[in-house]
């Protein structure tokens, strides 16, 4: 069964929007292992809305934490103890898209980061990267973090305005497959997102070997 981990170079770069589009395109299910922040629309709710996914394809989070902060802090404030070793991808009969929180080195506990969990799973990772200034450094560092933990890299998905040279040098220096680029969408509607995703990310992009 096709499974992907969607992670990012930072928080707030658009990986939830990307995850919604990818899940819809694959006809898959979505799982957010740890959700920090419950007052606003959660990532699962955003993916359900933008991906037009039925409730049974949004799998329940393992941890739902109230404070919008790093999971280790949010859990402490909620008096919750996160046990990273218990996080196991659910079994599905559809492709599965798993979204992390923030970047790879966001702490889950005082001793574990998200990348440690991804390393145990060995599920191919899609690294979402913005196209703006500073992304070359952030993206290459994130690729090093993935490789240092032997996490299979499926490719990089860019989010933002076209920056051809930035995208090229990341692909070349990072020795990574560039899957495509999701441009800014205003207004961001389910129909427009799914149509744009199909135009910029052919389904064939999500087939083949990992890097």
Protein backbone atom coordinates (compact mmCIF):
# COMPACT_ATOMS: atom_id res chain seq x y z
CA UNK A 1 0.00 0.00 0.00
CA UNK A 2 1.25 3.49 -0.88
CA UNK A 3 2.25 5.51 2.19
CA UNK A 4 3.93 8.89 2.50
CA UNK A 5 5.15 11.03 5.37
CA UNK A 6 4.69 14.72 4.61
CA UNK A 7 7.11 16.89 6.52
CA UNK A 8 8.43 20.40 6.06
CA UNK A 9 11.37 22.73 6.44
CA UNK A 10 9.41 24.88 8.88
CA UNK A 11 5.95 25.48 10.28
CA UNK A 12 3.28 27.38 8.37
CA UNK A 13 4.72 26.72 4.92
CA UNK A 14 1.66 24.97 3.48
CA UNK A 15 2.27 21.28 4.09
CA UNK A 16 -1.29 20.78 5.37
CA UNK A 17 -2.69 22.25 2.16
CA UNK A 18 -0.31 20.04 0.19
CA UNK A 19 -1.37 17.03 2.27
CA UNK A 20 -5.03 17.74 1.53
CA UNK A 21 -4.40 17.89 -2.20
CA UNK A 22 -2.19 14.78 -2.19
CA UNK A 23 -4.66 12.74 -0.14
CA UNK A 24 -7.51 13.70 -2.47
CA UNK A 25 -5.47 12.98 -5.61
CA UNK A 26 -4.46 9.54 -4.33
CA UNK A 27 -7.95 8.69 -3.11
CA UNK A 28 -6.29 8.11 0.22
CA UNK A 29 -6.65 8.56 3.95
CA UNK A 30 -4.99 11.14 6.19
CA UNK A 31 -3.43 10.84 9.64
CA UNK A 32 -1.96 13.55 11.86
CA UNK A 33 -0.27 11.70 14.75
CA UNK A 34 0.04 14.72 17.06
CA UNK A 35 -2.13 17.85 16.90
CA UNK A 36 -1.10 20.87 18.95
CA UNK A 37 -3.74 23.58 19.16
CA UNK A 38 -7.47 22.88 19.16
CA UNK A 39 -9.11 26.32 19.25
CA UNK A 40 -8.75 26.99 15.53
CA UNK A 41 -9.46 24.59 12.68
CA UNK A 42 -7.20 21.58 13.18
CA UNK A 43 -5.05 20.16 10.41
CA UNK A 44 -7.34 17.14 10.14
CA UNK A 45 -10.33 19.43 9.70
CA UNK A 46 -8.48 21.50 7.10
CA UNK A 47 -7.55 18.38 5.12
CA UNK A 48 -11.12 17.10 5.32
CA UNK A 49 -12.49 20.42 4.05
CA UNK A 50 -9.96 21.12 1.30
CA UNK A 51 -9.71 17.50 0.20
CA UNK A 52 -13.47 16.91 0.31
CA UNK A 53 -12.75 13.71 2.19
CA UNK A 54 -15.40 11.62 3.97
CA UNK A 55 -15.02 11.31 7.76
CA UNK A 56 -13.84 7.70 7.62
CA UNK A 57 -10.76 8.76 5.65
CA UNK A 58 -9.61 11.21 8.34
CA UNK A 59 -8.01 8.99 10.94
CA UNK A 60 -8.08 10.14 14.58
CA UNK A 61 -4.98 11.74 16.05
CA UNK A 62 -3.02 9.80 18.65
CA UNK A 63 -2.58 12.99 20.71
CA UNK A 64 -4.77 16.10 20.72
CA UNK A 65 -3.14 18.91 22.68
CA UNK A 66 -4.78 22.26 23.44
CA UNK A 67 -1.90 24.71 23.21
CA UNK A 68 -0.58 25.70 19.75
CA UNK A 69 3.09 25.10 20.56
CA UNK A 70 5.82 22.52 20.12
CA UNK A 71 4.29 19.14 21.09
CA UNK A 72 6.70 18.66 24.00
CA UNK A 73 5.56 21.95 25.57
CA UNK A 74 1.91 21.57 24.67
CA UNK A 75 1.88 18.10 26.24
CA UNK A 76 3.53 19.41 29.40
CA UNK A 77 0.91 22.15 29.74
CA UNK A 78 -1.86 19.59 29.24
CA UNK A 79 -0.29 17.12 31.70
CA UNK A 80 -0.01 14.57 28.92
CA UNK A 81 2.95 12.26 28.42
CA UNK A 82 3.72 11.54 24.76
CA UNK A 83 5.14 8.06 24.19
CA UNK A 84 6.84 8.23 20.77
CA UNK A 85 7.45 4.48 20.71
CA UNK A 86 3.69 3.86 20.62
CA UNK A 87 3.11 5.95 17.49
CA UNK A 88 2.40 3.44 14.74
CA UNK A 89 0.81 4.22 11.37
CA UNK A 90 -2.73 2.84 11.20
CA UNK A 91 -3.58 0.10 8.73
CA UNK A 92 -5.74 1.28 5.86
CA UNK A 93 -7.15 -0.11 2.64
CA UNK A 94 -6.32 3.14 0.84
CA UNK A 95 -3.09 5.10 0.33
CA UNK A 96 -2.08 6.83 3.54
CA UNK A 97 -0.73 10.37 3.93
CA UNK A 98 0.85 11.08 7.33
CA UNK A 99 1.60 14.69 8.26
CA UNK A 100 4.16 15.66 10.87
CA UNK A 101 4.16 18.87 12.90
CA UNK A 102 6.42 21.75 11.93
CA UNK A 103 9.85 20.61 10.80
CA UNK A 104 11.79 17.40 11.25
CA UNK A 105 13.48 18.37 14.51
CA UNK A 106 10.38 19.59 16.32
CA UNK A 107 10.54 17.95 19.78
CA UNK A 108 7.87 15.47 20.77
CA UNK A 109 9.41 15.00 24.20
CA UNK A 110 12.55 16.15 25.98
CA UNK A 111 14.46 13.37 24.22
CA UNK A 112 12.70 12.68 20.91
CA UNK A 113 12.02 14.65 17.75
CA UNK A 114 9.62 13.80 14.94
CA UNK A 115 12.48 12.60 12.75
CA UNK A 116 13.22 9.85 15.30
CA UNK A 117 9.73 8.46 14.77
CA UNK A 118 10.02 8.74 10.98
CA UNK A 119 13.32 6.85 11.15
CA UNK A 120 11.60 3.96 12.91
CA UNK A 121 8.79 3.85 10.37
CA UNK A 122 11.02 3.98 7.24
CA UNK A 123 8.11 5.40 5.22
CA UNK A 124 9.15 7.54 2.22
CA UNK A 125 9.15 11.22 3.12
CA UNK A 126 8.01 14.15 1.01
CA UNK A 127 9.74 17.33 2.12
CA UNK A 128 7.65 20.47 1.61
CA UNK A 129 9.74 23.58 1.12
CA UNK A 130 8.76 27.17 0.48
CA UNK A 131 10.35 28.95 -2.46
CA UNK A 132 11.22 32.21 -0.68
CA UNK A 133 14.51 33.59 0.55
CA UNK A 134 16.34 31.28 2.94
CA UNK A 135 14.79 28.09 1.66
CA UNK A 136 18.01 26.73 0.13
CA UNK A 137 19.69 26.50 3.52
CA UNK A 138 16.59 25.20 5.31
CA UNK A 139 15.88 22.57 2.66
CA UNK A 140 19.43 21.27 2.36
CA UNK A 141 19.70 21.03 6.15
CA UNK A 142 16.40 19.11 6.28
CA UNK A 143 17.61 16.71 3.60
CA UNK A 144 20.77 16.10 5.65
CA UNK A 145 18.65 15.38 8.73
CA UNK A 146 16.61 12.84 6.77
CA UNK A 147 19.67 11.11 5.35
CA UNK A 148 21.50 11.09 8.69
CA UNK A 149 18.62 9.01 10.07
CA UNK A 150 18.32 6.82 6.95
CA UNK A 151 14.78 8.05 6.31
CA UNK A 152 13.89 7.32 2.68
CA UNK A 153 13.36 10.52 0.73
CA UNK A 154 10.68 10.44 -1.93
CA UNK A 155 11.21 14.00 -3.12
CA UNK A 156 10.79 17.70 -2.50
CA UNK A 157 7.54 19.57 -3.11
CA UNK A 158 7.89 23.33 -3.43
CA UNK A 159 5.17 25.71 -2.26
CA UNK A 160 5.06 29.33 -3.37
CA UNK A 161 5.88 31.52 -6.35
CA UNK A 162 8.13 30.20 -9.10
CA UNK A 163 11.84 30.56 -8.23
CA UNK A 164 13.48 28.52 -10.95
CA UNK A 165 17.10 28.85 -9.83
CA UNK A 166 16.29 28.18 -6.19
CA UNK A 167 14.35 25.07 -7.13
CA UNK A 168 17.09 23.91 -9.51
CA UNK A 169 19.97 24.29 -7.06
CA UNK A 170 18.10 22.50 -4.30
CA UNK A 171 17.43 19.57 -6.60
CA UNK A 172 21.04 19.50 -7.78
CA UNK A 173 22.89 20.07 -4.51
CA UNK A 174 20.41 18.06 -2.50
CA UNK A 175 20.52 15.21 -5.04
CA UNK A 176 16.79 14.91 -4.67
CA UNK A 177 13.84 14.54 -7.00
CA UNK A 178 11.74 17.69 -7.38
CA UNK A 179 8.12 16.56 -7.49
CA UNK A 180 6.63 19.90 -8.49
CA UNK A 181 5.46 23.24 -7.11
CA UNK A 182 2.14 24.27 -5.62
CA UNK A 183 1.60 27.98 -6.38
CA UNK A 184 -0.20 30.42 -4.06
CA UNK A 185 -3.99 30.17 -4.41
CA UNK A 186 -6.32 33.07 -3.62
CA UNK A 187 -9.03 32.19 -2.99
CA UNK A 188 -8.06 28.77 -1.67
CA UNK A 189 -11.04 26.57 -2.46
CA UNK A 190 -11.25 22.77 -2.61
CA UNK A 191 -11.97 22.74 -6.34
CA UNK A 192 -9.19 25.17 -7.18
CA UNK A 193 -6.67 23.37 -4.98
CA UNK A 194 -7.39 19.97 -6.47
CA UNK A 195 -7.36 21.28 -10.04
CA UNK A 196 -4.08 23.15 -9.51
CA UNK A 197 -2.49 20.17 -7.81
CA UNK A 198 -3.34 17.92 -10.76
CA UNK A 199 -1.79 20.46 -13.15
CA UNK A 200 1.44 20.80 -11.17
CA UNK A 201 1.86 17.30 -9.71
CA UNK A 202 1.00 14.49 -12.14
CA UNK A 203 0.14 11.30 -10.29
CA UNK A 204 3.14 9.72 -12.00
CA UNK A 205 5.26 11.99 -9.77
CA UNK A 206 4.28 9.81 -6.83
CA UNK A 207 5.41 6.55 -8.33
CA UNK A 208 8.89 5.12 -8.45
CA UNK A 209 11.85 4.56 -6.17
CA UNK A 210 12.86 6.65 -3.19
CA UNK A 211 16.08 8.66 -3.08
